[in-house]
Amino acid sequence: MTMREFVGNIIMLMVGGNDTTRNSLSGSVLAMNRFPAQFDLLRSNPSYLDSFAPELSRVP
């Protein structure tokens, strides 16, 4: 792999990671706004965060 290919791959990973993270965070904020009872449930039991975070990353 050339240096140019390596740098190109790193840039693609950064761009893809940024897009996925941004969309996941935006989607979760929107979902918590649309379903306030679920947000209250999450706030009342912080242990649910252990499963919330992995599920958040699986959302398409």
Protein backbone atom coordinates (compact mmCIF):
# COMPACT_ATOMS: atom_id res chain seq x y z
CA MET A 1 0.00 0.00 0.00
CA THR A 2 1.37 3.35 -0.96
CA MET A 3 1.38 6.33 1.38
CA ARG A 4 -1.27 7.98 -0.79
CA GLU A 5 -3.55 4.94 -0.48
CA PHE A 6 -2.95 4.80 3.26
CA VAL A 7 -3.82 8.46 3.76
CA GLY A 8 -6.87 8.04 1.52
CA ASN A 9 -8.08 5.13 3.65
CA ILE A 10 -7.61 7.14 6.84
CA ILE A 11 -9.59 10.04 5.38
CA MET A 12 -12.39 7.67 4.32
CA LEU A 13 -12.55 6.21 7.84
CA MET A 14 -12.72 9.68 9.37
CA VAL A 15 -15.44 10.84 6.98
CA GLY A 16 -17.48 7.65 7.44
CA GLY A 17 -17.11 7.74 11.22
CA ASN A 18 -18.13 11.39 11.33
CA ASP A 19 -21.23 10.82 9.20
CA THR A 20 -22.35 7.77 11.18
CA THR A 21 -21.78 9.41 14.55
CA ARG A 22 -23.52 12.63 13.53
CA ASN A 23 -26.57 10.81 12.17
CA SER A 24 -26.79 8.50 15.18
CA LEU A 25 -26.61 11.35 17.66
CA SER A 26 -29.13 13.44 15.73
CA GLY A 27 -31.48 10.50 15.42
CA SER A 28 -31.31 9.70 19.11
CA VAL A 29 -32.06 13.30 20.08
CA LEU A 30 -35.01 13.32 17.69
CA ALA A 31 -36.29 9.99 19.05
CA MET A 32 -36.03 11.17 22.67
CA ASN A 33 -37.97 14.30 21.67
CA ARG A 34 -40.69 12.35 19.87
CA PHE A 35 -41.01 9.73 22.62
CA PRO A 36 -40.65 11.63 25.91
CA ALA A 37 -41.85 8.66 27.99
CA GLN A 38 -38.87 6.65 26.74
CA PHE A 39 -36.55 9.52 27.52
CA ASP A 40 -37.96 9.72 31.05
CA LEU A 41 -37.45 5.97 31.41
CA LEU A 42 -33.83 6.31 30.32
CA ARG A 43 -33.26 9.21 32.72
CA SER A 44 -34.89 7.39 35.64
CA ASN A 45 -32.69 4.32 35.24
CA PRO A 46 -29.13 5.16 34.11
CA SER A 47 -28.26 1.46 33.88
CA TYR A 48 -30.24 1.43 30.62
CA LEU A 49 -27.44 3.47 29.08
CA ASP A 50 -25.38 0.27 28.95
CA SER A 51 -27.71 -1.07 26.26
CA PHE A 52 -28.79 2.27 24.79
CA ALA A 53 -25.35 3.15 23.44
CA PRO A 54 -24.77 -0.10 21.50
CA GLU A 55 -28.32 -0.03 20.13
CA LEU A 56 -27.78 3.56 19.02
CA SER A 57 -24.86 2.51 16.85
CA ARG A 58 -26.94 -0.24 15.17
CA VAL A 59 -29.64 2.14 13.92
CA PRO A 60 -29.39 2.51 10.12
